Amino acid sequence: MELKNYMEVVVKEVVDLELKKIDAKWENDERRKLDVMALILNRLPARYVVTGKGWIMTKIKETESQFQADILREMIRAMKIVEDNPR
């Protein structure tokens, strides 16, 4: 068994998908992408799972529109922060 923050998996999926829609500047810059993901994950609650059943229950939760909206809201906020504070 393994302890996993499922939110990391979902945030990565959403960020990868949405950045493809925006532009190559974001999609191809791994540092920017990781900075955005870190900011998002620091603002959203963790969703730890251990068993297959927990994984399934969290996957079902992922389909709820509020869950997706929360990630997108935080992504927009995080992208603004990263854009305003380049390294």
PDB file of N, CA and C in Angstrom:
ATOM      1  N   MET A   1       0.837  -1.191   0.000  1.00  0.00           N
ATOM      2  CA  MET A   1       0.000   0.000   0.000  1.00  0.00           C
ATOM      3  C   MET A   1       0.875   1.245   0.000  1.00  0.00           C
ATOM      4  N   GLU A   2       0.290   2.299  -0.488  1.00  0.00           N
ATOM      5  CA  GLU A   2       1.015   3.555  -0.594  1.00  0.00           C
ATOM      6  C   GLU A   2       0.093   4.702  -0.192  1.00  0.00           C
ATOM      7  N   LEU A   3       0.658   5.662   0.514  1.00  0.00           N
ATOM      8  CA  LEU A   3      -0.082   6.867   0.868  1.00  0.00           C
ATOM      9  C   LEU A   3       0.162   7.892  -0.229  1.00  0.00           C
ATOM     10  N   LYS A   4      -0.904   8.440  -0.779  1.00  0.00           N
ATOM     11  CA  LYS A   4      -0.785   9.361  -1.911  1.00  0.00           C
ATOM     12  C   LYS A   4      -1.756  10.516  -1.752  1.00  0.00           C
ATOM     13  N   ASN A   5      -1.260  11.721  -1.990  1.00  0.00           N
ATOM     14  CA  ASN A   5      -2.148  12.883  -2.035  1.00  0.00           C
ATOM     15  C   ASN A   5      -2.739  12.928  -3.440  1.00  0.00           C
ATOM     16  N   TYR A   6      -3.956  12.465  -3.562  1.00  0.00           N
ATOM     17  CA  TYR A   6      -4.609  12.391  -4.865  1.00  0.00           C
ATOM     18  C   TYR A   6      -4.752  13.772  -5.499  1.00  0.00           C
ATOM     19  N   MET A   7      -4.806  14.812  -4.679  1.00  0.00           N
ATOM     20  CA  MET A   7      -4.935  16.165  -5.214  1.00  0.00           C
ATOM     21  C   MET A   7      -3.764  16.487  -6.146  1.00  0.00           C
ATOM     22  N   GLU A   8      -2.569  15.955  -5.854  1.00  0.00           N
ATOM     23  CA  GLU A   8      -1.417  16.184  -6.729  1.00  0.00           C
ATOM     24  C   GLU A   8      -1.676  15.635  -8.121  1.00  0.00           C
ATOM     25  N   VAL A   9      -2.255  14.454  -8.185  1.00  0.00           N
ATOM     26  CA  VAL A   9      -2.539  13.809  -9.469  1.00  0.00           C
ATOM     27  C   VAL A   9      -3.549  14.642 -10.259  1.00  0.00           C
ATOM     28  N   VAL A  10      -4.615  15.054  -9.601  1.00  0.00           N
ATOM     29  CA  VAL A  10      -5.672  15.809 -10.275  1.00  0.00           C
ATOM     30  C   VAL A  10      -5.164  17.174 -10.718  1.00  0.00           C
ATOM     31  N   VAL A  11      -4.436  17.864  -9.849  1.00  0.00           N
ATOM     32  CA  VAL A  11      -3.919  19.191 -10.197  1.00  0.00           C
ATOM     33  C   VAL A  11      -2.980  19.082 -11.400  1.00  0.00           C
ATOM     34  N   LYS A  12      -2.110  18.089 -11.416  1.00  0.00           N
ATOM     35  CA  LYS A  12      -1.210  17.928 -12.564  1.00  0.00           C
ATOM     36  C   LYS A  12      -2.000  17.706 -13.851  1.00  0.00           C
ATOM     37  N   GLU A  13      -3.015  16.857 -13.784  1.00  0.00           N
ATOM     38  CA  GLU A  13      -3.844  16.599 -14.974  1.00  0.00           C
ATOM     39  C   GLU A  13      -4.509  17.881 -15.468  1.00  0.00           C
ATOM     40  N   VAL A  14      -5.104  18.632 -14.556  1.00  0.00           N
ATOM     41  CA  VAL A  14      -5.807  19.861 -14.931  1.00  0.00           C
ATOM     42  C   VAL A  14      -4.825  20.899 -15.473  1.00  0.00           C
ATOM     43  N   VAL A  15      -3.705  21.083 -14.784  1.00  0.00           N
ATOM     44  CA  VAL A  15      -2.720  22.076 -15.225  1.00  0.00           C
ATOM     45  C   VAL A  15      -2.191  21.710 -16.607  1.00  0.00           C
ATOM     46  N   ASP A  16      -1.813  20.463 -16.815  1.00  0.00           N
ATOM     47  CA  ASP A  16      -1.314  20.046 -18.133  1.00  0.00           C
ATOM     48  C   ASP A  16      -2.350  20.297 -19.224  1.00  0.00           C
ATOM     49  N   LEU A  17      -3.580  19.935 -18.966  1.00  0.00           N
ATOM     50  CA  LEU A  17      -4.652  20.116 -19.953  1.00  0.00           C
ATOM     51  C   LEU A  17      -4.904  21.592 -20.251  1.00  0.00           C
ATOM     52  N   GLU A  18      -5.023  22.390 -19.216  1.00  0.00           N
ATOM     53  CA  GLU A  18      -5.363  23.807 -19.402  1.00  0.00           C
ATOM     54  C   GLU A  18      -4.211  24.602 -20.007  1.00  0.00           C
ATOM     55  N   LEU A  19      -2.970  24.281 -19.641  1.00  0.00           N
ATOM     56  CA  LEU A  19      -1.832  25.017 -20.204  1.00  0.00           C
ATOM     57  C   LEU A  19      -1.675  24.771 -21.698  1.00  0.00           C
ATOM     58  N   LYS A  20      -2.087  23.608 -22.161  1.00  0.00           N
ATOM     59  CA  LYS A  20      -2.056  23.333 -23.605  1.00  0.00           C
ATOM     60  C   LYS A  20      -2.981  24.288 -24.352  1.00  0.00           C
ATOM     61  N   LYS A  21      -4.037  24.728 -23.678  1.00  0.00           N
ATOM     62  CA  LYS A  21      -5.008  25.628 -24.300  1.00  0.00           C
ATOM     63  C   LYS A  21      -4.532  27.078 -24.289  1.00  0.00           C
ATOM     64  N   ILE A  22      -3.615  27.402 -23.406  1.00  0.00           N
ATOM     65  CA  ILE A  22      -3.223  28.805 -23.228  1.00  0.00           C
ATOM     66  C   ILE A  22      -2.142  29.206 -24.227  1.00  0.00           C
ATOM     67  N   ASP A  23      -0.907  28.763 -24.011  1.00  0.00           N
ATOM     68  CA  ASP A  23       0.161  28.992 -24.983  1.00  0.00           C
ATOM     69  C   ASP A  23       1.410  28.221 -24.587  1.00  0.00           C
ATOM     70  N   ALA A  24       2.339  28.116 -25.525  1.00  0.00           N
ATOM     71  CA  ALA A  24       3.548  27.314 -25.328  1.00  0.00           C
ATOM     72  C   ALA A  24       4.440  27.879 -24.235  1.00  0.00           C
ATOM     73  N   LYS A  25       4.371  29.182 -23.997  1.00  0.00           N
ATOM     74  CA  LYS A  25       5.192  29.807 -22.953  1.00  0.00           C
ATOM     75  C   LYS A  25       4.967  29.115 -21.616  1.00  0.00           C
ATOM     76  N   TRP A  26       3.736  28.797 -21.340  1.00  0.00           N
ATOM     77  CA  TRP A  26       3.391  28.133 -20.080  1.00  0.00           C
ATOM     78  C   TRP A  26       3.582  26.625 -20.175  1.00  0.00           C
ATOM     79  N   GLU A  27       3.126  26.046 -21.257  1.00  0.00           N
ATOM     80  CA  GLU A  27       3.139  24.589 -21.389  1.00  0.00           C
ATOM     81  C   GLU A  27       4.558  24.024 -21.394  1.00  0.00           C
ATOM     82  N   ASN A  28       5.491  24.720 -22.020  1.00  0.00           N
ATOM     83  CA  ASN A  28       6.848  24.194 -22.187  1.00  0.00           C
ATOM     84  C   ASN A  28       7.828  24.638 -21.108  1.00  0.00           C
ATOM     85  N   ASP A  29       7.405  25.435 -20.175  1.00  0.00           N
ATOM     86  CA  ASP A  29       8.294  25.909 -19.112  1.00  0.00           C
ATOM     87  C   ASP A  29       8.004  25.105 -17.842  1.00  0.00           C
ATOM     88  N   GLU A  30       8.817  24.081 -17.612  1.00  0.00           N
ATOM     89  CA  GLU A  30       8.577  23.162 -16.494  1.00  0.00           C
ATOM     90  C   GLU A  30       8.630  23.880 -15.151  1.00  0.00           C
ATOM     91  N   ARG A  31       9.515  24.845 -15.000  1.00  0.00           N
ATOM     92  CA  ARG A  31       9.621  25.575 -13.730  1.00  0.00           C
ATOM     93  C   ARG A  31       8.338  26.360 -13.448  1.00  0.00           C
ATOM     94  N   ARG A  32       7.828  27.059 -14.448  1.00  0.00           N
ATOM     95  CA  ARG A  32       6.570  27.794 -14.285  1.00  0.00           C
ATOM     96  C   ARG A  32       5.434  26.847 -13.913  1.00  0.00           C
ATOM     97  N   LYS A  33       5.376  25.720 -14.626  1.00  0.00           N
ATOM     98  CA  LYS A  33       4.318  24.745 -14.387  1.00  0.00           C
ATOM     99  C   LYS A  33       4.383  24.223 -12.944  1.00  0.00           C
ATOM    100  N   LEU A  34       5.580  23.890 -12.473  1.00  0.00           N
ATOM    101  CA  LEU A  34       5.734  23.396 -11.106  1.00  0.00           C
ATOM    102  C   LEU A  34       5.424  24.473 -10.070  1.00  0.00           C
ATOM    103  N   ASP A  35       5.808  25.719 -10.352  1.00  0.00           N
ATOM    104  CA  ASP A  35       5.471  26.820  -9.442  1.00  0.00           C
ATOM    105  C   ASP A  35       3.952  26.979  -9.323  1.00  0.00           C
ATOM    106  N   VAL A  36       3.270  26.914 -10.447  1.00  0.00           N
ATOM    107  CA  VAL A  36       1.810  27.029 -10.453  1.00  0.00           C
ATOM    108  C   VAL A  36       1.193  25.868  -9.671  1.00  0.00           C
ATOM    109  N   MET A  37       1.673  24.666  -9.913  1.00  0.00           N
ATOM    110  CA  MET A  37       1.131  23.503  -9.212  1.00  0.00           C
ATOM    111  C   MET A  37       1.367  23.610  -7.704  1.00  0.00           C
ATOM    112  N   ALA A  38       2.547  24.066  -7.298  1.00  0.00           N
ATOM    113  CA  ALA A  38       2.840  24.207  -5.870  1.00  0.00           C
ATOM    114  C   ALA A  38       1.894  25.220  -5.220  1.00  0.00           C
ATOM    115  N   LEU A  39       1.669  26.342  -5.891  1.00  0.00           N
ATOM    116  CA  LEU A  39       0.756  27.350  -5.346  1.00  0.00           C
ATOM    117  C   LEU A  39      -0.668  26.807  -5.224  1.00  0.00           C
ATOM    118  N   ILE A  40      -1.109  26.089  -6.236  1.00  0.00           N
ATOM    119  CA  ILE A  40      -2.456  25.501  -6.197  1.00  0.00           C
ATOM    120  C   ILE A  40      -2.569  24.521  -5.031  1.00  0.00           C
ATOM    121  N   LEU A  41      -1.595  23.623  -4.926  1.00  0.00           N
ATOM    122  CA  LEU A  41      -1.652  22.588  -3.891  1.00  0.00           C
ATOM    123  C   LEU A  41      -1.572  23.163  -2.483  1.00  0.00           C
ATOM    124  N   ASN A  42      -0.909  24.294  -2.328  1.00  0.00           N
ATOM    125  CA  ASN A  42      -0.842  24.929  -1.013  1.00  0.00           C
ATOM    126  C   ASN A  42      -2.163  25.572  -0.614  1.00  0.00           C
ATOM    127  N   ARG A  43      -3.029  25.821  -1.568  1.00  0.00           N
ATOM    128  CA  ARG A  43      -4.308  26.485  -1.278  1.00  0.00           C
ATOM    129  C   ARG A  43      -5.499  25.524  -1.213  1.00  0.00           C
ATOM    130  N   LEU A  44      -5.341  24.329  -1.740  1.00  0.00           N
ATOM    131  CA  LEU A  44      -6.445  23.367  -1.750  1.00  0.00           C
ATOM    132  C   LEU A  44      -6.227  22.293  -0.685  1.00  0.00           C
ATOM    133  N   PRO A  45      -7.311  21.721  -0.180  1.00  0.00           N
ATOM    134  CA  PRO A  45      -7.150  20.654   0.823  1.00  0.00           C
ATOM    135  C   PRO A  45      -6.561  19.394   0.190  1.00  0.00           C
ATOM    136  N   ALA A  46      -5.721  18.738   0.961  1.00  0.00           N
ATOM    137  CA  ALA A  46      -5.144  17.470   0.506  1.00  0.00           C
ATOM    138  C   ALA A  46      -6.236  16.403   0.482  1.00  0.00           C
ATOM    139  N   ARG A  47      -6.075  15.448  -0.392  1.00  0.00           N
ATOM    140  CA  ARG A  47      -7.005  14.315  -0.487  1.00  0.00           C
ATOM    141  C   ARG A  47      -6.157  13.041  -0.484  1.00  0.00           C
ATOM    142  N   TYR A  48      -5.783  12.616   0.709  1.00  0.00           N
ATOM    143  CA  TYR A  48      -4.933  11.434   0.836  1.00  0.00           C
ATOM    144  C   TYR A  48      -5.744  10.161   0.707  1.00  0.00           C
ATOM    145  N   VAL A  49      -5.162   9.200  -0.009  1.00  0.00           N
ATOM    146  CA  VAL A  49      -5.783   7.892  -0.174  1.00  0.00           C
ATOM    147  C   VAL A  49      -4.741   6.808   0.077  1.00  0.00           C
ATOM    148  N   VAL A  50      -5.210   5.673   0.571  1.00  0.00           N
ATOM    149  CA  VAL A  50      -4.329   4.533   0.802  1.00  0.00           C
ATOM    150  C   VAL A  50      -4.813   3.319   0.017  1.00  0.00           C
ATOM    151  N   THR A  51      -6.070   3.040   0.073  1.00  0.00           N
ATOM    152  CA  THR A  51      -6.596   1.831  -0.554  1.00  0.00           C
ATOM    153  C   THR A  51      -7.183   2.127  -1.932  1.00  0.00           C
ATOM    154  N   GLY A  52      -7.415   1.073  -2.669  1.00  0.00           N
ATOM    155  CA  GLY A  52      -8.070   1.218  -3.964  1.00  0.00           C
ATOM    156  C   GLY A  52      -9.442   1.837  -3.832  1.00  0.00           C
ATOM    157  N   LYS A  53     -10.160   1.471  -2.770  1.00  0.00           N
ATOM    158  CA  LYS A  53     -11.486   2.030  -2.553  1.00  0.00           C
ATOM    159  C   LYS A  53     -11.412   3.537  -2.338  1.00  0.00           C
ATOM    160  N   GLY A  54     -10.451   3.988  -1.532  1.00  0.00           N
ATOM    161  CA  GLY A  54     -10.268   5.421  -1.313  1.00  0.00           C
ATOM    162  C   GLY A  54      -9.955   6.143  -2.606  1.00  0.00           C
ATOM    163  N   TRP A  55      -9.141   5.516  -3.428  1.00  0.00           N
ATOM    164  CA  TRP A  55      -8.790   6.096  -4.727  1.00  0.00           C
ATOM    165  C   TRP A  55     -10.039   6.265  -5.586  1.00  0.00           C
ATOM    166  N   ILE A  56     -10.875   5.251  -5.605  1.00  0.00           N
ATOM    167  CA  ILE A  56     -12.102   5.294  -6.397  1.00  0.00           C
ATOM    168  C   ILE A  56     -13.042   6.387  -5.885  1.00  0.00           C
ATOM    169  N   MET A  57     -13.203   6.464  -4.564  1.00  0.00           N
ATOM    170  CA  MET A  57     -14.106   7.469  -3.993  1.00  0.00           C
ATOM    171  C   MET A  57     -13.621   8.882  -4.323  1.00  0.00           C
ATOM    172  N   THR A  58     -12.323   9.095  -4.287  1.00  0.00           N
ATOM    173  CA  THR A  58     -11.777  10.411  -4.618  1.00  0.00           C
ATOM    174  C   THR A  58     -11.943  10.687  -6.110  1.00  0.00           C
ATOM    175  N   LYS A  59     -11.778   9.692  -6.944  1.00  0.00           N
ATOM    176  CA  LYS A  59     -11.959   9.848  -8.393  1.00  0.00           C
ATOM    177  C   LYS A  59     -13.394  10.267  -8.696  1.00  0.00           C
ATOM    178  N   ILE A  60     -14.340   9.692  -7.987  1.00  0.00           N
ATOM    179  CA  ILE A  60     -15.742  10.075  -8.156  1.00  0.00           C
ATOM    180  C   ILE A  60     -15.924  11.532  -7.748  1.00  0.00           C
ATOM    181  N   LYS A  61     -15.311  11.921  -6.655  1.00  0.00           N
ATOM    182  CA  LYS A  61     -15.411  13.300  -6.161  1.00  0.00           C
ATOM    183  C   LYS A  61     -14.850  14.284  -7.199  1.00  0.00           C
ATOM    184  N   GLU A  62     -13.810  13.842  -7.930  1.00  0.00           N
ATOM    185  CA  GLU A  62     -13.178  14.691  -8.932  1.00  0.00           C
ATOM    186  C   GLU A  62     -14.170  15.161  -9.996  1.00  0.00           C
ATOM    187  N   THR A  63     -15.187  14.382 -10.261  1.00  0.00           N
ATOM    188  CA  THR A  63     -16.126  14.732 -11.316  1.00  0.00           C
ATOM    189  C   THR A  63     -17.098  15.840 -10.914  1.00  0.00           C
ATOM    190  N   GLU A  64     -17.150  16.154  -9.638  1.00  0.00           N
ATOM    191  CA  GLU A  64     -18.060  17.208  -9.194  1.00  0.00           C
ATOM    192  C   GLU A  64     -17.583  18.560  -9.718  1.00  0.00           C
ATOM    193  N   SER A  65     -18.489  19.351 -10.193  1.00  0.00           N
ATOM    194  CA  SER A  65     -18.132  20.619 -10.829  1.00  0.00           C
ATOM    195  C   SER A  65     -17.444  21.578  -9.862  1.00  0.00           C
ATOM    196  N   GLN A  66     -17.811  21.582  -8.599  1.00  0.00           N
ATOM    197  CA  GLN A  66     -17.173  22.485  -7.652  1.00  0.00           C
ATOM    198  C   GLN A  66     -15.702  22.128  -7.457  1.00  0.00           C
ATOM    199  N   PHE A  67     -15.415  20.846  -7.461  1.00  0.00           N
ATOM    200  CA  PHE A  67     -14.038  20.371  -7.324  1.00  0.00           C
ATOM    201  C   PHE A  67     -13.195  20.911  -8.477  1.00  0.00           C
ATOM    202  N   GLN A  68     -13.692  20.803  -9.692  1.00  0.00           N
ATOM    203  CA  GLN A  68     -12.985  21.313 -10.870  1.00  0.00           C
ATOM    204  C   GLN A  68     -12.880  22.842 -10.819  1.00  0.00           C
ATOM    205  N   ALA A  69     -13.940  23.496 -10.418  1.00  0.00           N
ATOM    206  CA  ALA A  69     -13.944  24.956 -10.345  1.00  0.00           C
ATOM    207  C   ALA A  69     -12.909  25.458  -9.346  1.00  0.00           C
ATOM    208  N   ASP A  70     -12.767  24.763  -8.224  1.00  0.00           N
ATOM    209  CA  ASP A  70     -11.779  25.156  -7.216  1.00  0.00           C
ATOM    210  C   ASP A  70     -10.365  25.084  -7.784  1.00  0.00           C
ATOM    211  N   ILE A  71     -10.082  24.036  -8.516  1.00  0.00           N
ATOM    212  CA  ILE A  71      -8.750  23.888  -9.106  1.00  0.00           C
ATOM    213  C   ILE A  71      -8.499  24.984 -10.140  1.00  0.00           C
ATOM    214  N   LEU A  72      -9.472  25.244 -10.998  1.00  0.00           N
ATOM    215  CA  LEU A  72      -9.306  26.268 -12.029  1.00  0.00           C
ATOM    216  C   LEU A  72      -9.174  27.667 -11.421  1.00  0.00           C
ATOM    217  N   ARG A  73      -9.965  27.933 -10.387  1.00  0.00           N
ATOM    218  CA  ARG A  73      -9.859  29.220  -9.703  1.00  0.00           C
ATOM    219  C   ARG A  73      -8.454  29.421  -9.146  1.00  0.00           C
ATOM    220  N   GLU A  74      -7.935  28.408  -8.492  1.00  0.00           N
ATOM    221  CA  GLU A  74      -6.600  28.509  -7.910  1.00  0.00           C
ATOM    222  C   GLU A  74      -5.522  28.552  -8.984  1.00  0.00           C
ATOM    223  N   MET A  75      -5.778  27.909 -10.104  1.00  0.00           N
ATOM    224  CA  MET A  75      -4.811  27.932 -11.204  1.00  0.00           C
ATOM    225  C   MET A  75      -4.673  29.339 -11.767  1.00  0.00           C
ATOM    226  N   ILE A  76      -5.780  30.017 -11.967  1.00  0.00           N
ATOM    227  CA  ILE A  76      -5.749  31.392 -12.478  1.00  0.00           C
ATOM    228  C   ILE A  76      -4.991  32.288 -11.509  1.00  0.00           C
ATOM    229  N   ARG A  77      -5.286  32.143 -10.230  1.00  0.00           N
ATOM    230  CA  ARG A  77      -4.610  32.924  -9.195  1.00  0.00           C
ATOM    231  C   ARG A  77      -3.096  32.636  -9.201  1.00  0.00           C
ATOM    232  N   ALA A  78      -2.738  31.356  -9.273  1.00  0.00           N
ATOM    233  CA  ALA A  78      -1.334  30.961  -9.250  1.00  0.00           C
ATOM    234  C   ALA A  78      -0.584  31.456 -10.485  1.00  0.00           C
ATOM    235  N   MET A  79      -1.227  31.386 -11.638  1.00  0.00           N
ATOM    236  CA  MET A  79      -0.571  31.869 -12.861  1.00  0.00           C
ATOM    237  C   MET A  79      -0.292  33.359 -12.778  1.00  0.00           C
ATOM    238  N   LYS A  80      -1.198  34.111 -12.216  1.00  0.00           N
ATOM    239  CA  LYS A  80      -0.990  35.558 -12.047  1.00  0.00           C
ATOM    240  C   LYS A  80       0.204  35.814 -11.131  1.00  0.00           C
ATOM    241  N   ILE A  81       0.288  35.080 -10.043  1.00  0.00           N
ATOM    242  CA  ILE A  81       1.408  35.247  -9.108  1.00  0.00           C
ATOM    243  C   ILE A  81       2.736  34.926  -9.796  1.00  0.00           C
ATOM    244  N   VAL A  82       2.778  33.824 -10.523  1.00  0.00           N
ATOM    245  CA  VAL A  82       4.007  33.421 -11.207  1.00  0.00           C
ATOM    246  C   VAL A  82       4.374  34.423 -12.292  1.00  0.00           C
ATOM    247  N   GLU A  83       3.391  34.900 -13.019  1.00  0.00           N
ATOM    248  CA  GLU A  83       3.634  35.882 -14.076  1.00  0.00           C
ATOM    249  C   GLU A  83       4.165  37.198 -13.491  1.00  0.00           C
ATOM    250  N   ASP A  84       3.622  37.616 -12.366  1.00  0.00           N
ATOM    251  CA  ASP A  84       4.034  38.873 -11.740  1.00  0.00           C
ATOM    252  C   ASP A  84       5.358  38.771 -11.002  1.00  0.00           C
ATOM    253  N   ASN A  85       5.790  37.547 -10.704  1.00  0.00           N
ATOM    254  CA  ASN A  85       7.018  37.350  -9.940  1.00  0.00           C
ATOM    255  C   ASN A  85       7.915  36.308 -10.609  1.00  0.00           C
ATOM    256  N   PRO A  86       8.394  36.616 -11.802  1.00  0.00           N
ATOM    257  CA  PRO A  86       9.237  35.627 -12.494  1.00  0.00           C
ATOM    258  C   PRO A  86      10.553  35.428 -11.749  1.00  0.00           C
ATOM    259  N   ARG A  87      11.094  34.251 -11.874  1.00  0.00           N
ATOM    260  CA  ARG A  87      12.372  33.953 -11.180  1.00  0.00           C
ATOM    261  C   ARG A  87      13.520  34.354 -12.046  1.00  0.00           C
TER     262      ARG A  87
END
